[in-house]
Amino acid sequence: MKHRQRGISFIGLLFVGVVVASAGILTAQVIPTLIEFQAISKAANKAAAEGNTVIEIRTIFNKAADIDDITSISGKDLEITKEGDKAVVKFAYNREIHMFGPAYLLLKYNGRSK
């Protein structure tokens, strides 16, 4: 009597392994950019809350950027406006992650203070 084999073939196992490894590598490269985006948002909110002039807001942001090791954006890249009596800090930047060969993953981040 022959019993039917069950399970995944070796080729199938290799394929699944490659897909999982690729997803893991990509995730490991994207997570630091997300952490930096959160730090930038926090610094923009702090600068908008504590600063009264454009120069003060940029200085506060740059000090927070030095502490949190923010390298993607600086105080001069911020767009600062007034809404009513509150300062609003807006920012936008791009991050490229090299995947393989000529392929890159482009991440576009933008945000504003609360």
C-alpha atoms as a PDB file:
ATOM      1  CA  MET A   1       0.000   0.000   0.000  1.00  0.00           C
ATOM      2  CA  LYS A   2       1.254   3.413  -0.959  1.00  0.00           C
ATOM      3  CA  HIS A   3       0.640   6.280   1.395  1.00  0.00           C
ATOM      4  CA  ARG A   4       0.195   9.734  -0.010  1.00  0.00           C
ATOM      5  CA  GLN A   5       2.864  12.099   1.274  1.00  0.00           C
ATOM      6  CA  ARG A   6       1.845  15.372   2.794  1.00  0.00           C
ATOM      7  CA  GLY A   7       3.744  18.563   3.376  1.00  0.00           C
ATOM      8  CA  ILE A   8       5.722  21.108   1.470  1.00  0.00           C
ATOM      9  CA  SER A   9       8.374  20.241  -1.114  1.00  0.00           C
ATOM     10  CA  PHE A  10      11.964  21.412  -0.771  1.00  0.00           C
ATOM     11  CA  ILE A  11      11.524  23.922  -3.625  1.00  0.00           C
ATOM     12  CA  GLY A  12       8.383  25.246  -1.963  1.00  0.00           C
ATOM     13  CA  LEU A  13      10.246  25.558   1.330  1.00  0.00           C
ATOM     14  CA  LEU A  14      13.053  27.496  -0.376  1.00  0.00           C
ATOM     15  CA  PHE A  15      10.556  29.817  -2.060  1.00  0.00           C
ATOM     16  CA  VAL A  16       8.766  30.541   1.228  1.00  0.00           C
ATOM     17  CA  GLY A  17      12.132  31.081   2.939  1.00  0.00           C
ATOM     18  CA  VAL A  18      13.272  33.582   0.321  1.00  0.00           C
ATOM     19  CA  VAL A  19       9.991  35.521   0.522  1.00  0.00           C
ATOM     20  CA  VAL A  20      10.085  35.631   4.344  1.00  0.00           C
ATOM     21  CA  ALA A  21      13.773  36.660   4.378  1.00  0.00           C
ATOM     22  CA  SER A  22      13.158  39.422   1.804  1.00  0.00           C
ATOM     23  CA  ALA A  23      10.218  40.758   3.779  1.00  0.00           C
ATOM     24  CA  GLY A  24      12.320  40.681   6.960  1.00  0.00           C
ATOM     25  CA  ILE A  25      15.207  42.567   5.368  1.00  0.00           C
ATOM     26  CA  LEU A  26      12.861  45.196   3.930  1.00  0.00           C
ATOM     27  CA  THR A  27      11.105  45.607   7.281  1.00  0.00           C
ATOM     28  CA  ALA A  28      14.447  45.961   9.063  1.00  0.00           C
ATOM     29  CA  GLN A  29      15.351  48.825   6.705  1.00  0.00           C
ATOM     30  CA  VAL A  30      11.975  50.608   6.906  1.00  0.00           C
ATOM     31  CA  ILE A  31      11.533  50.588  10.699  1.00  0.00           C
ATOM     32  CA  PRO A  32      14.393  53.059  11.413  1.00  0.00           C
ATOM     33  CA  THR A  33      12.820  55.544   8.972  1.00  0.00           C
ATOM     34  CA  LEU A  34       9.491  55.230  10.792  1.00  0.00           C
ATOM     35  CA  ILE A  35      11.204  55.826  14.141  1.00  0.00           C
ATOM     36  CA  GLU A  36      12.915  58.894  12.688  1.00  0.00           C
ATOM     37  CA  PHE A  37       9.562  60.164  11.355  1.00  0.00           C
ATOM     38  CA  GLN A  38       8.086  59.877  14.849  1.00  0.00           C
ATOM     39  CA  ALA A  39      11.061  61.792  16.263  1.00  0.00           C
ATOM     40  CA  ILE A  40      10.614  64.512  13.629  1.00  0.00           C
ATOM     41  CA  SER A  41       6.900  64.806  14.450  1.00  0.00           C
ATOM     42  CA  LYS A  42       7.699  65.073  18.148  1.00  0.00           C
ATOM     43  CA  ALA A  43      10.360  67.731  17.511  1.00  0.00           C
ATOM     44  CA  ALA A  44       7.985  69.716  15.258  1.00  0.00           C
ATOM     45  CA  ASN A  45       5.260  69.652  17.914  1.00  0.00           C
ATOM     46  CA  LYS A  46       7.728  70.764  20.581  1.00  0.00           C
ATOM     47  CA  ALA A  47       9.077  73.579  18.399  1.00  0.00           C
ATOM     48  CA  ALA A  48       5.575  74.807  17.519  1.00  0.00           C
ATOM     49  CA  ALA A  49       4.500  74.788  21.169  1.00  0.00           C
ATOM     50  CA  GLU A  50       7.577  76.489  22.607  1.00  0.00           C
ATOM     51  CA  GLY A  51       8.666  78.895  19.871  1.00  0.00           C
ATOM     52  CA  ASN A  52       7.199  82.311  19.118  1.00  0.00           C
ATOM     53  CA  THR A  53       9.223  83.374  16.098  1.00  0.00           C
ATOM     54  CA  VAL A  54      10.430  81.506  13.029  1.00  0.00           C
ATOM     55  CA  ILE A  55      14.033  81.643  14.234  1.00  0.00           C
ATOM     56  CA  GLU A  56      13.105  80.299  17.692  1.00  0.00           C
ATOM     57  CA  ILE A  57      11.075  77.473  16.169  1.00  0.00           C
ATOM     58  CA  ARG A  58      13.929  76.445  13.876  1.00  0.00           C
ATOM     59  CA  THR A  59      16.443  76.634  16.734  1.00  0.00           C
ATOM     60  CA  ILE A  60      14.259  74.495  19.009  1.00  0.00           C
ATOM     61  CA  PHE A  61      13.767  71.964  16.216  1.00  0.00           C
ATOM     62  CA  ASN A  62      17.513  71.819  15.494  1.00  0.00           C
ATOM     63  CA  LYS A  63      18.305  71.225  19.183  1.00  0.00           C
ATOM     64  CA  ALA A  64      15.745  68.402  19.314  1.00  0.00           C
ATOM     65  CA  ALA A  65      17.163  67.011  16.056  1.00  0.00           C
ATOM     66  CA  ASP A  66      20.643  66.909  17.569  1.00  0.00           C
ATOM     67  CA  ILE A  67      19.362  65.039  20.622  1.00  0.00           C
ATOM     68  CA  ASP A  68      17.246  62.530  18.647  1.00  0.00           C
ATOM     69  CA  ASP A  69      19.841  62.105  15.843  1.00  0.00           C
ATOM     70  CA  ILE A  70      17.544  63.351  13.088  1.00  0.00           C
ATOM     71  CA  THR A  71      19.461  63.554   9.803  1.00  0.00           C
ATOM     72  CA  SER A  72      16.743  63.622   7.127  1.00  0.00           C
ATOM     73  CA  ILE A  73      15.564  67.160   7.765  1.00  0.00           C
ATOM     74  CA  SER A  74      16.738  70.303   9.542  1.00  0.00           C
ATOM     75  CA  GLY A  75      15.153  73.490  10.814  1.00  0.00           C
ATOM     76  CA  LYS A  76      15.712  75.313   7.517  1.00  0.00           C
ATOM     77  CA  ASP A  77      13.536  72.704   5.743  1.00  0.00           C
ATOM     78  CA  LEU A  78      10.472  73.448   7.877  1.00  0.00           C
ATOM     79  CA  GLU A  79       7.493  75.415   6.587  1.00  0.00           C
ATOM     80  CA  ILE A  80       6.266  77.600   9.443  1.00  0.00           C
ATOM     81  CA  THR A  81       2.907  79.369   9.301  1.00  0.00           C
ATOM     82  CA  LYS A  82       0.417  80.877  11.726  1.00  0.00           C
ATOM     83  CA  GLU A  83      -3.135  79.655  12.187  1.00  0.00           C
ATOM     84  CA  GLY A  84      -4.869  82.047  14.498  1.00  0.00           C
ATOM     85  CA  ASP A  85      -2.452  82.596  17.358  1.00  0.00           C
ATOM     86  CA  LYS A  86      -0.699  79.208  17.006  1.00  0.00           C
ATOM     87  CA  ALA A  87       2.406  78.436  15.007  1.00  0.00           C
ATOM     88  CA  VAL A  88       2.065  75.460  12.663  1.00  0.00           C
ATOM     89  CA  VAL A  89       5.165  73.577  11.574  1.00  0.00           C
ATOM     90  CA  LYS A  90       4.911  71.528   8.374  1.00  0.00           C
ATOM     91  CA  PHE A  91       7.564  69.228   6.951  1.00  0.00           C
ATOM     92  CA  ALA A  92       8.024  66.867   4.021  1.00  0.00           C
ATOM     93  CA  TYR A  93      10.948  64.723   2.948  1.00  0.00           C
ATOM     94  CA  ASN A  94      11.797  61.569   0.979  1.00  0.00           C
ATOM     95  CA  ARG A  95      13.856  58.530   1.950  1.00  0.00           C
ATOM     96  CA  GLU A  96      15.234  56.038  -0.551  1.00  0.00           C
ATOM     97  CA  ILE A  97      16.101  52.490   0.464  1.00  0.00           C
ATOM     98  CA  HIS A  98      18.260  50.495  -1.916  1.00  0.00           C
ATOM     99  CA  MET A  99      16.718  47.061  -2.414  1.00  0.00           C
ATOM    100  CA  PHE A 100      18.819  45.325  -5.083  1.00  0.00           C
ATOM    101  CA  GLY A 101      20.438  46.231  -8.389  1.00  0.00           C
ATOM    102  CA  PRO A 102      18.722  49.304  -9.802  1.00  0.00           C
ATOM    103  CA  ALA A 103      15.649  48.920  -7.555  1.00  0.00           C
ATOM    104  CA  TYR A 104      14.936  51.415  -4.774  1.00  0.00           C
ATOM    105  CA  LEU A 105      12.037  51.822  -2.369  1.00  0.00           C
ATOM    106  CA  LEU A 106      10.962  55.480  -2.148  1.00  0.00           C
ATOM    107  CA  LEU A 107       9.258  56.549   1.074  1.00  0.00           C
ATOM    108  CA  LYS A 108       7.593  59.970   1.115  1.00  0.00           C
ATOM    109  CA  TYR A 109       6.976  61.406   4.568  1.00  0.00           C
ATOM    110  CA  ASN A 110       5.076  64.569   5.434  1.00  0.00           C
ATOM    111  CA  GLY A 111       3.455  65.909   8.558  1.00  0.00           C
ATOM    112  CA  ARG A 112       2.576  68.933  10.611  1.00  0.00           C
ATOM    113  CA  SER A 113       2.441  69.990  14.212  1.00  0.00           C
ATOM    114  CA  LYS A 114      -0.758  69.682  16.178  1.00  0.00           C
END
